[in-house]
C-alpha cells in the first residue's frame, strides 16, 4: 500500500446489542480496539455506517463499521470507498472465519469469498476481490450445530478468557499492515495462534 494514500479499514459484523458479543462480530471488535488505541472516534454516520478519520503512526486512515447486516454490507463499503476515492488495494477488511482454528489470524492479499457472505457482498459491490483481508479464526462448530447458529452465537467462557488477547493481536496486525506492508504482516502474524 503506498504510504501517501488514504486507507480504509473495515470491520464486518452485525449491528445491535443482540449481536455485539458474537463470533460474527469479531471484525467490529478489532476496529473498536484500533479506534480506542489511536483515539479515532467512530462518530461519523454516513452510508449506513459508523466511521472515524484519523492517523495511525502517520498513516491517514478511515475506520468503518457498516451498520447494514453482514450479508448486505458490500454496497455501503463501496459507497464509503467511492466517496473518499479509496482504491480497492488500499482497503483492509477484517472478518471472522470458521475455516481457521480459534485464536489463529491470517492475512490475505486478495481472493474469493471463502464462503463468507460479508466478503461475498463486498466482492459483488466492487466487482472483484482485490482487497486485503485479516481473517480472525473462530473455529468450527461441533457436530449438530449449524454454521449460521455458531457464528451468531456468543464465545464460550473458555474462549472469552483469551478473546481480548486475540483482538489485541489482531489490532497489532492491522497496524503492521498499514505501516510496514502486507508481507511484513503475513510474516509476523500468519503462523501465530493464541490457544486456550
C-alpha atoms as a PDB file:
ATOM      1  CA  UNK A   1       0.000   0.000   0.000  1.00  0.00           C
ATOM      2  CA  UNK A   2       1.521   3.349  -0.994  1.00  0.00           C
ATOM      3  CA  UNK A   3       2.326   5.499   2.034  1.00  0.00           C
ATOM      4  CA  UNK A   4       0.535   8.709   0.962  1.00  0.00           C
ATOM      5  CA  UNK A   5      -2.872   7.257   0.179  1.00  0.00           C
ATOM      6  CA  UNK A   6      -5.843   7.303   2.484  1.00  0.00           C
ATOM      7  CA  UNK A   7      -6.558   3.798   3.789  1.00  0.00           C
ATOM      8  CA  UNK A   8      -9.899   2.242   4.623  1.00  0.00           C
ATOM      9  CA  UNK A   9     -10.083  -0.338   7.412  1.00  0.00           C
ATOM     10  CA  UNK A  10     -13.470  -2.049   7.588  1.00  0.00           C
ATOM     11  CA  UNK A  11     -14.624  -4.358  10.359  1.00  0.00           C
ATOM     12  CA  UNK A  12     -17.513  -6.649   9.496  1.00  0.00           C
ATOM     13  CA  UNK A  13     -20.290  -7.508  11.919  1.00  0.00           C
ATOM     14  CA  UNK A  14     -23.987  -7.153  12.618  1.00  0.00           C
ATOM     15  CA  UNK A  15     -25.459  -4.037  14.264  1.00  0.00           C
ATOM     16  CA  UNK A  16     -27.323  -4.080  17.558  1.00  0.00           C
ATOM     17  CA  UNK A  17     -26.755  -5.299  21.093  1.00  0.00           C
ATOM     18  CA  UNK A  18     -28.080  -8.791  20.273  1.00  0.00           C
ATOM     19  CA  UNK A  19     -25.039  -9.485  18.090  1.00  0.00           C
ATOM     20  CA  UNK A  20     -22.395  -7.403  19.840  1.00  0.00           C
ATOM     21  CA  UNK A  21     -20.539 -10.257  21.571  1.00  0.00           C
ATOM     22  CA  UNK A  22     -20.984 -12.919  18.896  1.00  0.00           C
ATOM     23  CA  UNK A  23     -18.302 -14.626  16.817  1.00  0.00           C
ATOM     24  CA  UNK A  24     -19.606 -12.956  13.652  1.00  0.00           C
ATOM     25  CA  UNK A  25     -18.726  -9.554  15.155  1.00  0.00           C
ATOM     26  CA  UNK A  26     -15.002 -10.201  15.501  1.00  0.00           C
ATOM     27  CA  UNK A  27     -14.358  -7.581  12.793  1.00  0.00           C
ATOM     28  CA  UNK A  28     -16.274  -4.942  14.765  1.00  0.00           C
ATOM     29  CA  UNK A  29     -14.296  -5.850  17.893  1.00  0.00           C
ATOM     30  CA  UNK A  30     -10.950  -5.313  16.149  1.00  0.00           C
ATOM     31  CA  UNK A  31     -11.997  -1.956  14.669  1.00  0.00           C
ATOM     32  CA  UNK A  32     -13.180  -0.859  18.128  1.00  0.00           C
ATOM     33  CA  UNK A  33      -9.799  -1.875  19.559  1.00  0.00           C
ATOM     34  CA  UNK A  34      -7.926   0.121  16.889  1.00  0.00           C
ATOM     35  CA  UNK A  35     -10.296   3.053  17.467  1.00  0.00           C
ATOM     36  CA  UNK A  36      -9.535   3.058  21.204  1.00  0.00           C
ATOM     37  CA  UNK A  37      -5.778   2.653  20.756  1.00  0.00           C
ATOM     38  CA  UNK A  38      -5.431   5.587  18.341  1.00  0.00           C
ATOM     39  CA  UNK A  39      -8.287   7.811  19.581  1.00  0.00           C
ATOM     40  CA  UNK A  40     -10.174   7.606  16.284  1.00  0.00           C
ATOM     41  CA  UNK A  41     -13.767   8.053  17.407  1.00  0.00           C
ATOM     42  CA  UNK A  42     -16.343   6.276  15.242  1.00  0.00           C
ATOM     43  CA  UNK A  43     -18.779   9.176  15.492  1.00  0.00           C
ATOM     44  CA  UNK A  44     -19.453   9.974  11.852  1.00  0.00           C
ATOM     45  CA  UNK A  45     -22.564   8.452  10.278  1.00  0.00           C
ATOM     46  CA  UNK A  46     -22.998   8.229   6.534  1.00  0.00           C
ATOM     47  CA  UNK A  47     -23.794   5.492   4.006  1.00  0.00           C
ATOM     48  CA  UNK A  48     -25.402   3.386   6.766  1.00  0.00           C
ATOM     49  CA  UNK A  49     -22.035   3.088   8.508  1.00  0.00           C
ATOM     50  CA  UNK A  50     -20.255   4.413  11.560  1.00  0.00           C
ATOM     51  CA  UNK A  51     -16.766   5.635  10.846  1.00  0.00           C
ATOM     52  CA  UNK A  52     -13.950   7.864  12.008  1.00  0.00           C
ATOM     53  CA  UNK A  53     -10.978   9.519  10.334  1.00  0.00           C
ATOM     54  CA  UNK A  54      -7.575   9.772  11.976  1.00  0.00           C
ATOM     55  CA  UNK A  55      -3.995   8.613  11.720  1.00  0.00           C
ATOM     56  CA  UNK A  56      -2.056   5.560  12.802  1.00  0.00           C
ATOM     57  CA  UNK A  57       1.661   6.261  13.132  1.00  0.00           C
ATOM     58  CA  UNK A  58       1.434   8.935  10.414  1.00  0.00           C
ATOM     59  CA  UNK A  59      -0.810   6.914   8.093  1.00  0.00           C
ATOM     60  CA  UNK A  60      -4.159   8.603   7.401  1.00  0.00           C
ATOM     61  CA  UNK A  61      -6.949   6.090   7.843  1.00  0.00           C
ATOM     62  CA  UNK A  62     -10.710   5.698   7.934  1.00  0.00           C
ATOM     63  CA  UNK A  63     -12.030   3.095  10.361  1.00  0.00           C
ATOM     64  CA  UNK A  64     -15.515   1.904   9.443  1.00  0.00           C
ATOM     65  CA  UNK A  65     -18.243  -0.418  10.677  1.00  0.00           C
ATOM     66  CA  UNK A  66     -21.116  -0.934   8.211  1.00  0.00           C
ATOM     67  CA  UNK A  67     -24.433  -0.812  10.057  1.00  0.00           C
ATOM     68  CA  UNK A  68     -26.281  -2.918   7.497  1.00  0.00           C
ATOM     69  CA  UNK A  69     -26.386  -6.604   8.311  1.00  0.00           C
ATOM     70  CA  UNK A  70     -23.258  -8.535   7.373  1.00  0.00           C
ATOM     71  CA  UNK A  71     -24.644 -10.100   4.195  1.00  0.00           C
ATOM     72  CA  UNK A  72     -25.591  -6.687   2.775  1.00  0.00           C
ATOM     73  CA  UNK A  73     -22.516  -4.703   3.837  1.00  0.00           C
ATOM     74  CA  UNK A  74     -20.836  -4.530   0.410  1.00  0.00           C
ATOM     75  CA  UNK A  75     -22.746  -1.602  -1.167  1.00  0.00           C
ATOM     76  CA  UNK A  76     -22.150   0.550   1.926  1.00  0.00           C
ATOM     77  CA  UNK A  77     -18.434  -0.219   1.978  1.00  0.00           C
ATOM     78  CA  UNK A  78     -18.312   0.632  -1.725  1.00  0.00           C
ATOM     79  CA  UNK A  79     -20.067   3.972  -1.096  1.00  0.00           C
ATOM     80  CA  UNK A  80     -17.511   4.941   1.563  1.00  0.00           C
ATOM     81  CA  UNK A  81     -14.601   3.947  -0.679  1.00  0.00           C
ATOM     82  CA  UNK A  82     -16.121   5.826  -3.630  1.00  0.00           C
ATOM     83  CA  UNK A  83     -16.856   8.973  -1.633  1.00  0.00           C
ATOM     84  CA  UNK A  84     -13.291   9.188  -0.293  1.00  0.00           C
ATOM     85  CA  UNK A  85     -11.750   7.921  -3.566  1.00  0.00           C
ATOM     86  CA  UNK A  86     -10.075   4.976  -1.907  1.00  0.00           C
ATOM     87  CA  UNK A  87      -8.693   2.295  -4.202  1.00  0.00           C
ATOM     88  CA  UNK A  88      -9.617  -1.329  -3.602  1.00  0.00           C
ATOM     89  CA  UNK A  89      -5.978  -2.205  -2.895  1.00  0.00           C
ATOM     90  CA  UNK A  90      -5.921   0.418  -0.125  1.00  0.00           C
ATOM     91  CA  UNK A  91      -8.711  -1.317   1.769  1.00  0.00           C
ATOM     92  CA  UNK A  92      -8.385  -3.828   4.590  1.00  0.00           C
ATOM     93  CA  UNK A  93     -11.428  -5.874   5.621  1.00  0.00           C
ATOM     94  CA  UNK A  94     -11.469  -7.658   8.983  1.00  0.00           C
ATOM     95  CA  UNK A  95     -13.807 -10.602   9.465  1.00  0.00           C
ATOM     96  CA  UNK A  96     -14.446 -13.824  11.357  1.00  0.00           C
ATOM     97  CA  UNK A  97     -13.546 -17.141   9.718  1.00  0.00           C
ATOM     98  CA  UNK A  98     -14.778 -20.607  10.702  1.00  0.00           C
ATOM     99  CA  UNK A  99     -12.145 -22.240   8.497  1.00  0.00           C
ATOM    100  CA  UNK A 100      -9.398 -21.019  10.830  1.00  0.00           C
ATOM    101  CA  UNK A 101      -8.841 -22.507  14.260  1.00  0.00           C
ATOM    102  CA  UNK A 102      -9.949 -20.343  17.159  1.00  0.00           C
ATOM    103  CA  UNK A 103      -7.198 -17.876  18.032  1.00  0.00           C
ATOM    104  CA  UNK A 104      -5.481 -18.016  14.656  1.00  0.00           C
ATOM    105  CA  UNK A 105      -5.077 -14.952  12.440  1.00  0.00           C
ATOM    106  CA  UNK A 106      -4.465 -14.941   8.711  1.00  0.00           C
ATOM    107  CA  UNK A 107      -3.702 -12.017   6.418  1.00  0.00           C
ATOM    108  CA  UNK A 108      -4.629 -12.463   2.775  1.00  0.00           C
ATOM    109  CA  UNK A 109      -3.931 -10.006  -0.061  1.00  0.00           C
ATOM    110  CA  UNK A 110      -6.864 -10.853  -2.328  1.00  0.00           C
ATOM    111  CA  UNK A 111      -9.050 -13.733  -3.466  1.00  0.00           C
ATOM    112  CA  UNK A 112     -12.551 -15.200  -3.290  1.00  0.00           C
ATOM    113  CA  UNK A 113     -15.097 -15.091  -0.509  1.00  0.00           C
ATOM    114  CA  UNK A 114     -14.262 -18.461   1.088  1.00  0.00           C
ATOM    115  CA  UNK A 115     -17.959 -18.931   1.809  1.00  0.00           C
ATOM    116  CA  UNK A 116     -18.151 -15.753   3.910  1.00  0.00           C
ATOM    117  CA  UNK A 117     -21.272 -13.835   2.894  1.00  0.00           C
ATOM    118  CA  UNK A 118     -19.990 -10.463   4.087  1.00  0.00           C
ATOM    119  CA  UNK A 119     -16.897 -10.828   1.908  1.00  0.00           C
ATOM    120  CA  UNK A 120     -19.075 -12.026  -0.962  1.00  0.00           C
ATOM    121  CA  UNK A 121     -21.207  -8.899  -0.649  1.00  0.00           C
ATOM    122  CA  UNK A 122     -18.090  -6.696  -0.837  1.00  0.00           C
ATOM    123  CA  UNK A 123     -16.697  -8.593  -3.843  1.00  0.00           C
ATOM    124  CA  UNK A 124     -20.053  -8.222  -5.609  1.00  0.00           C
ATOM    125  CA  UNK A 125     -20.168  -4.480  -4.830  1.00  0.00           C
ATOM    126  CA  UNK A 126     -16.619  -3.811  -6.045  1.00  0.00           C
ATOM    127  CA  UNK A 127     -16.704  -6.257  -8.942  1.00  0.00           C
ATOM    128  CA  UNK A 128     -13.683  -8.157  -7.643  1.00  0.00           C
ATOM    129  CA  UNK A 129     -11.722  -9.250  -4.609  1.00  0.00           C
ATOM    130  CA  UNK A 130      -8.558  -7.147  -4.883  1.00  0.00           C
ATOM    131  CA  UNK A 131      -8.587  -6.011  -1.265  1.00  0.00           C
ATOM    132  CA  UNK A 132      -6.714  -7.219   1.781  1.00  0.00           C
ATOM    133  CA  UNK A 133      -8.363  -9.278   4.491  1.00  0.00           C
ATOM    134  CA  UNK A 134      -7.499 -10.006   8.083  1.00  0.00           C
ATOM    135  CA  UNK A 135      -9.244 -13.226   8.997  1.00  0.00           C
ATOM    136  CA  UNK A 136      -9.995 -13.918  12.665  1.00  0.00           C
ATOM    137  CA  UNK A 137     -10.257 -17.624  13.371  1.00  0.00           C
ATOM    138  CA  UNK A 138     -13.335 -18.621  15.373  1.00  0.00           C
ATOM    139  CA  UNK A 139     -13.118 -22.361  14.719  1.00  0.00           C
ATOM    140  CA  UNK A 140     -15.794 -24.754  13.514  1.00  0.00           C
ATOM    141  CA  UNK A 141     -18.984 -25.724  15.328  1.00  0.00           C
ATOM    142  CA  UNK A 142     -19.420 -29.107  16.941  1.00  0.00           C
ATOM    143  CA  UNK A 143     -21.469 -31.723  15.105  1.00  0.00           C
ATOM    144  CA  UNK A 144     -25.153 -30.872  15.043  1.00  0.00           C
ATOM    145  CA  UNK A 145     -24.664 -27.091  15.245  1.00  0.00           C
ATOM    146  CA  UNK A 146     -25.228 -25.172  12.004  1.00  0.00           C
ATOM    147  CA  UNK A 147     -22.584 -22.697  10.843  1.00  0.00           C
ATOM    148  CA  UNK A 148     -25.058 -19.803  10.976  1.00  0.00           C
ATOM    149  CA  UNK A 149     -26.124 -20.550  14.548  1.00  0.00           C
ATOM    150  CA  UNK A 150     -22.495 -20.966  15.530  1.00  0.00           C
ATOM    151  CA  UNK A 151     -21.209 -17.638  14.195  1.00  0.00           C
ATOM    152  CA  UNK A 152     -24.237 -15.821  15.597  1.00  0.00           C
ATOM    153  CA  UNK A 153     -23.583 -17.432  18.981  1.00  0.00           C
ATOM    154  CA  UNK A 154     -21.506 -15.967  21.788  1.00  0.00           C
ATOM    155  CA  UNK A 155     -17.982 -17.060  22.685  1.00  0.00           C
ATOM    156  CA  UNK A 156     -17.674 -19.743  25.346  1.00  0.00           C
ATOM    157  CA  UNK A 157     -16.354 -18.884  28.813  1.00  0.00           C
ATOM    158  CA  UNK A 158     -13.101 -20.622  27.914  1.00  0.00           C
ATOM    159  CA  UNK A 159     -12.771 -18.599  24.708  1.00  0.00           C
ATOM    160  CA  UNK A 160     -13.590 -15.334  26.478  1.00  0.00           C
ATOM    161  CA  UNK A 161     -10.503 -15.775  28.685  1.00  0.00           C
ATOM    162  CA  UNK A 162      -8.209 -15.195  25.692  1.00  0.00           C
ATOM    163  CA  UNK A 163     -10.528 -13.172  23.434  1.00  0.00           C
ATOM    164  CA  UNK A 164      -9.070  -9.815  24.450  1.00  0.00           C
ATOM    165  CA  UNK A 165      -5.571 -11.116  23.697  1.00  0.00           C
ATOM    166  CA  UNK A 166      -6.711 -12.260  20.227  1.00  0.00           C
ATOM    167  CA  UNK A 167      -8.392  -8.938  19.449  1.00  0.00           C
ATOM    168  CA  UNK A 168      -5.330  -7.024  20.686  1.00  0.00           C
ATOM    169  CA  UNK A 169      -3.051  -9.155  18.499  1.00  0.00           C
ATOM    170  CA  UNK A 170      -5.365  -8.505  15.544  1.00  0.00           C
ATOM    171  CA  UNK A 171      -5.124  -4.766  16.265  1.00  0.00           C
ATOM    172  CA  UNK A 172      -1.331  -5.081  16.130  1.00  0.00           C
ATOM    173  CA  UNK A 173      -1.669  -6.903  12.807  1.00  0.00           C
ATOM    174  CA  UNK A 174      -3.738  -4.009  11.404  1.00  0.00           C
ATOM    175  CA  UNK A 175      -1.065  -1.508  12.466  1.00  0.00           C
ATOM    176  CA  UNK A 176       1.688  -3.654  10.934  1.00  0.00           C
ATOM    177  CA  UNK A 177      -0.177  -3.962   7.613  1.00  0.00           C
ATOM    178  CA  UNK A 178      -0.783  -0.219   7.429  1.00  0.00           C
ATOM    179  CA  UNK A 179       2.693   0.886   8.490  1.00  0.00           C
ATOM    180  CA  UNK A 180       5.004  -1.879   7.260  1.00  0.00           C
ATOM    181  CA  UNK A 181       3.035  -3.598   4.495  1.00  0.00           C
ATOM    182  CA  UNK A 182       1.117  -6.801   3.923  1.00  0.00           C
ATOM    183  CA  UNK A 183       4.181  -9.028   3.530  1.00  0.00           C
ATOM    184  CA  UNK A 184       5.567  -7.960   6.911  1.00  0.00           C
ATOM    185  CA  UNK A 185       2.135  -8.542   8.417  1.00  0.00           C
ATOM    186  CA  UNK A 186       1.972 -12.033   6.948  1.00  0.00           C
ATOM    187  CA  UNK A 187       5.444 -12.891   8.210  1.00  0.00           C
ATOM    188  CA  UNK A 188       4.630 -11.738  11.733  1.00  0.00           C
ATOM    189  CA  UNK A 189       1.062 -12.914  12.197  1.00  0.00           C
ATOM    190  CA  UNK A 190       0.029 -15.677   9.776  1.00  0.00           C
ATOM    191  CA  UNK A 191       1.551 -18.532  11.731  1.00  0.00           C
ATOM    192  CA  UNK A 192       0.704 -17.229  15.186  1.00  0.00           C
ATOM    193  CA  UNK A 193      -2.081 -18.738  17.191  1.00  0.00           C
ATOM    194  CA  UNK A 194      -3.392 -17.890  20.621  1.00  0.00           C
ATOM    195  CA  UNK A 195      -4.551 -21.137  22.161  1.00  0.00           C
ATOM    196  CA  UNK A 196      -6.844 -21.873  25.064  1.00  0.00           C
END
